């Protein structure tokens, strides 16, 4: 019984929060625009959102420039672009030791540490 009451309260909380979220900002074309200002200095005008997107994308409105050149011409050269960041990380075990691939590994667990008897200097470091 306690679990049912807990889930009802959680569901009610999410419902109330989502209703307030939808009334906070107008939605256009099914997407919430997070930025109404855009770069319009010089010959290239461009909208940049807080989510890392450049351009207007699927917005049917021409209110936001999408890599417009020359500025104010309403000729867009970009549909939608984005900026992504990535990184590589050396895999380590629980003790913090670097892991190395065994020759011809069959799965992701065919690894050894530098202190293992199977380790040789020609083994490749595991990088995720």
C-alpha atoms as a PDB file:
ATOM      1  CA  UNK A   1       0.000   0.000   0.000  1.00  0.00           C
ATOM      2  CA  UNK A   2       2.866   2.380   0.818  1.00  0.00           C
ATOM      3  CA  UNK A   3       4.418   1.778  -2.599  1.00  0.00           C
ATOM      4  CA  UNK A   4       1.173   2.606  -4.380  1.00  0.00           C
ATOM      5  CA  UNK A   5       0.770   5.845  -2.445  1.00  0.00           C
ATOM      6  CA  UNK A   6       4.414   6.726  -3.130  1.00  0.00           C
ATOM      7  CA  UNK A   7       4.017   6.176  -6.892  1.00  0.00           C
ATOM      8  CA  UNK A   8       0.794   8.207  -6.963  1.00  0.00           C
ATOM      9  CA  UNK A   9       2.539  11.119  -5.221  1.00  0.00           C
ATOM     10  CA  UNK A  10       5.543  10.923  -7.572  1.00  0.00           C
ATOM     11  CA  UNK A  11       3.280  10.757 -10.639  1.00  0.00           C
ATOM     12  CA  UNK A  12       1.248  13.717  -9.394  1.00  0.00           C
ATOM     13  CA  UNK A  13       4.463  15.680  -8.752  1.00  0.00           C
ATOM     14  CA  UNK A  14       5.784  15.052 -12.270  1.00  0.00           C
ATOM     15  CA  UNK A  15       2.424  16.021 -13.748  1.00  0.00           C
ATOM     16  CA  UNK A  16       2.299  19.330 -11.879  1.00  0.00           C
ATOM     17  CA  UNK A  17       5.930  20.157 -12.718  1.00  0.00           C
ATOM     18  CA  UNK A  18       5.450  19.376 -16.416  1.00  0.00           C
ATOM     19  CA  UNK A  19       2.315  21.540 -16.583  1.00  0.00           C
ATOM     20  CA  UNK A  20       4.222  24.492 -15.151  1.00  0.00           C
ATOM     21  CA  UNK A  21       7.106  23.850 -17.549  1.00  0.00           C
ATOM     22  CA  UNK A  22       4.794  23.993 -20.578  1.00  0.00           C
ATOM     23  CA  UNK A  23       3.200  27.268 -19.469  1.00  0.00           C
ATOM     24  CA  UNK A  24       6.566  28.918 -18.779  1.00  0.00           C
ATOM     25  CA  UNK A  25       7.628  29.500 -22.384  1.00  0.00           C
ATOM     26  CA  UNK A  26       5.725  29.431 -25.682  1.00  0.00           C
ATOM     27  CA  UNK A  27       6.307  26.447 -27.949  1.00  0.00           C
ATOM     28  CA  UNK A  28       6.668  26.772 -31.705  1.00  0.00           C
ATOM     29  CA  UNK A  29       6.686  23.824 -34.111  1.00  0.00           C
ATOM     30  CA  UNK A  30       6.739  21.412 -31.158  1.00  0.00           C
ATOM     31  CA  UNK A  31      10.066  22.737 -29.862  1.00  0.00           C
ATOM     32  CA  UNK A  32      10.764  25.195 -27.086  1.00  0.00           C
ATOM     33  CA  UNK A  33      13.080  27.963 -28.256  1.00  0.00           C
ATOM     34  CA  UNK A  34      15.636  28.733 -25.607  1.00  0.00           C
ATOM     35  CA  UNK A  35      17.056  31.885 -27.152  1.00  0.00           C
ATOM     36  CA  UNK A  36      15.293  34.735 -28.893  1.00  0.00           C
ATOM     37  CA  UNK A  37      18.382  36.827 -29.562  1.00  0.00           C
ATOM     38  CA  UNK A  38      20.846  36.153 -32.338  1.00  0.00           C
ATOM     39  CA  UNK A  39      24.120  37.438 -33.756  1.00  0.00           C
ATOM     40  CA  UNK A  40      23.296  40.200 -36.241  1.00  0.00           C
ATOM     41  CA  UNK A  41      26.476  42.284 -36.346  1.00  0.00           C
ATOM     42  CA  UNK A  42      28.321  42.381 -39.653  1.00  0.00           C
ATOM     43  CA  UNK A  43      27.535  40.474 -42.829  1.00  0.00           C
ATOM     44  CA  UNK A  44      26.805  37.071 -41.263  1.00  0.00           C
ATOM     45  CA  UNK A  45      23.725  36.672 -39.058  1.00  0.00           C
ATOM     46  CA  UNK A  46      23.351  33.490 -37.010  1.00  0.00           C
ATOM     47  CA  UNK A  47      21.188  32.069 -34.228  1.00  0.00           C
ATOM     48  CA  UNK A  48      23.043  30.098 -31.524  1.00  0.00           C
ATOM     49  CA  UNK A  49      21.049  28.258 -28.856  1.00  0.00           C
ATOM     50  CA  UNK A  50      21.991  27.288 -25.316  1.00  0.00           C
ATOM     51  CA  UNK A  51      21.850  23.633 -26.383  1.00  0.00           C
ATOM     52  CA  UNK A  52      24.804  23.921 -28.776  1.00  0.00           C
ATOM     53  CA  UNK A  53      22.777  24.282 -31.980  1.00  0.00           C
ATOM     54  CA  UNK A  54      23.457  26.775 -34.752  1.00  0.00           C
ATOM     55  CA  UNK A  55      20.728  27.866 -37.128  1.00  0.00           C
ATOM     56  CA  UNK A  56      16.944  27.644 -37.112  1.00  0.00           C
ATOM     57  CA  UNK A  57      16.408  23.993 -38.041  1.00  0.00           C
ATOM     58  CA  UNK A  58      12.780  22.989 -38.488  1.00  0.00           C
ATOM     59  CA  UNK A  59      11.369  26.348 -37.338  1.00  0.00           C
ATOM     60  CA  UNK A  60       8.904  27.532 -39.942  1.00  0.00           C
ATOM     61  CA  UNK A  61       9.379  31.130 -38.826  1.00  0.00           C
ATOM     62  CA  UNK A  62      12.011  33.284 -40.502  1.00  0.00           C
ATOM     63  CA  UNK A  63      12.394  35.227 -37.274  1.00  0.00           C
ATOM     64  CA  UNK A  64      15.804  33.655 -36.586  1.00  0.00           C
ATOM     65  CA  UNK A  65      18.606  33.796 -39.149  1.00  0.00           C
ATOM     66  CA  UNK A  66      20.347  30.570 -40.024  1.00  0.00           C
ATOM     67  CA  UNK A  67      23.823  31.612 -41.232  1.00  0.00           C
ATOM     68  CA  UNK A  68      22.294  34.391 -43.280  1.00  0.00           C
ATOM     69  CA  UNK A  69      24.670  36.035 -45.758  1.00  0.00           C
ATOM     70  CA  UNK A  70      24.617  38.914 -46.469  1.00  0.00           C
ATOM     71  CA  UNK A  71      22.903  39.880 -43.220  1.00  0.00           C
ATOM     72  CA  UNK A  72      19.259  40.852 -43.667  1.00  0.00           C
ATOM     73  CA  UNK A  73      18.927  39.198 -47.094  1.00  0.00           C
ATOM     74  CA  UNK A  74      16.788  36.266 -45.816  1.00  0.00           C
ATOM     75  CA  UNK A  75      19.088  33.847 -47.686  1.00  0.00           C
ATOM     76  CA  UNK A  76      20.059  31.088 -45.237  1.00  0.00           C
ATOM     77  CA  UNK A  77      23.082  28.870 -45.844  1.00  0.00           C
ATOM     78  CA  UNK A  78      22.664  26.558 -42.848  1.00  0.00           C
ATOM     79  CA  UNK A  79      19.756  24.340 -41.840  1.00  0.00           C
ATOM     80  CA  UNK A  80      20.999  23.184 -38.438  1.00  0.00           C
ATOM     81  CA  UNK A  81      24.455  22.629 -37.035  1.00  0.00           C
ATOM     82  CA  UNK A  82      25.723  21.546 -33.642  1.00  0.00           C
ATOM     83  CA  UNK A  83      28.869  21.562 -31.579  1.00  0.00           C
ATOM     84  CA  UNK A  84      29.857  18.292 -29.934  1.00  0.00           C
ATOM     85  CA  UNK A  85      32.634  17.581 -27.471  1.00  0.00           C
ATOM     86  CA  UNK A  86      34.180  14.208 -26.868  1.00  0.00           C
ATOM     87  CA  UNK A  87      37.037  12.705 -24.940  1.00  0.00           C
ATOM     88  CA  UNK A  88      39.047   9.528 -24.675  1.00  0.00           C
ATOM     89  CA  UNK A  89      39.727   7.946 -21.320  1.00  0.00           C
ATOM     90  CA  UNK A  90      42.195   5.247 -20.299  1.00  0.00           C
ATOM     91  CA  UNK A  91      40.312   2.336 -18.725  1.00  0.00           C
ATOM     92  CA  UNK A  92      41.450   1.412 -15.224  1.00  0.00           C
ATOM     93  CA  UNK A  93      40.520  -1.316 -12.749  1.00  0.00           C
ATOM     94  CA  UNK A  94      39.149  -0.786  -9.228  1.00  0.00           C
ATOM     95  CA  UNK A  95      42.671  -0.196  -7.876  1.00  0.00           C
ATOM     96  CA  UNK A  96      43.352   2.535 -10.444  1.00  0.00           C
ATOM     97  CA  UNK A  97      45.830   0.483 -12.516  1.00  0.00           C
ATOM     98  CA  UNK A  98      45.872   0.948 -16.296  1.00  0.00           C
ATOM     99  CA  UNK A  99      44.471  -1.944 -18.322  1.00  0.00           C
ATOM    100  CA  UNK A 100      46.031  -3.420 -21.483  1.00  0.00           C
ATOM    101  CA  UNK A 101      44.448  -5.596 -24.188  1.00  0.00           C
ATOM    102  CA  UNK A 102      45.588  -9.197 -24.452  1.00  0.00           C
ATOM    103  CA  UNK A 103      46.552 -10.321 -27.980  1.00  0.00           C
ATOM    104  CA  UNK A 104      43.427 -11.100 -30.064  1.00  0.00           C
ATOM    105  CA  UNK A 105      40.831 -10.296 -27.379  1.00  0.00           C
ATOM    106  CA  UNK A 106      37.489 -12.081 -27.718  1.00  0.00           C
ATOM    107  CA  UNK A 107      35.539  -9.719 -25.456  1.00  0.00           C
ATOM    108  CA  UNK A 108      35.972  -6.523 -23.450  1.00  0.00           C
ATOM    109  CA  UNK A 109      37.251  -8.398 -20.392  1.00  0.00           C
ATOM    110  CA  UNK A 110      40.404  -9.810 -22.046  1.00  0.00           C
ATOM    111  CA  UNK A 111      42.622  -7.257 -20.314  1.00  0.00           C
ATOM    112  CA  UNK A 112      45.583  -7.298 -17.926  1.00  0.00           C
ATOM    113  CA  UNK A 113      47.409  -4.756 -15.759  1.00  0.00           C
ATOM    114  CA  UNK A 114      51.117  -3.886 -15.839  1.00  0.00           C
ATOM    115  CA  UNK A 115      51.682  -6.043 -12.747  1.00  0.00           C
ATOM    116  CA  UNK A 116      50.124  -9.156 -14.312  1.00  0.00           C
ATOM    117  CA  UNK A 117      52.381 -12.049 -15.406  1.00  0.00           C
ATOM    118  CA  UNK A 118      50.834 -11.941 -18.924  1.00  0.00           C
ATOM    119  CA  UNK A 119      51.759  -8.280 -19.442  1.00  0.00           C
ATOM    120  CA  UNK A 120      54.376  -7.410 -22.092  1.00  0.00           C
ATOM    121  CA  UNK A 121      55.505  -3.966 -23.308  1.00  0.00           C
ATOM    122  CA  UNK A 122      53.933  -4.513 -26.748  1.00  0.00           C
ATOM    123  CA  UNK A 123      50.340  -4.737 -25.390  1.00  0.00           C
ATOM    124  CA  UNK A 124      48.012  -1.896 -26.349  1.00  0.00           C
ATOM    125  CA  UNK A 125      46.467   0.379 -23.737  1.00  0.00           C
ATOM    126  CA  UNK A 126      42.661   0.146 -23.351  1.00  0.00           C
ATOM    127  CA  UNK A 127      41.192   3.531 -24.306  1.00  0.00           C
ATOM    128  CA  UNK A 128      37.430   4.128 -24.197  1.00  0.00           C
END
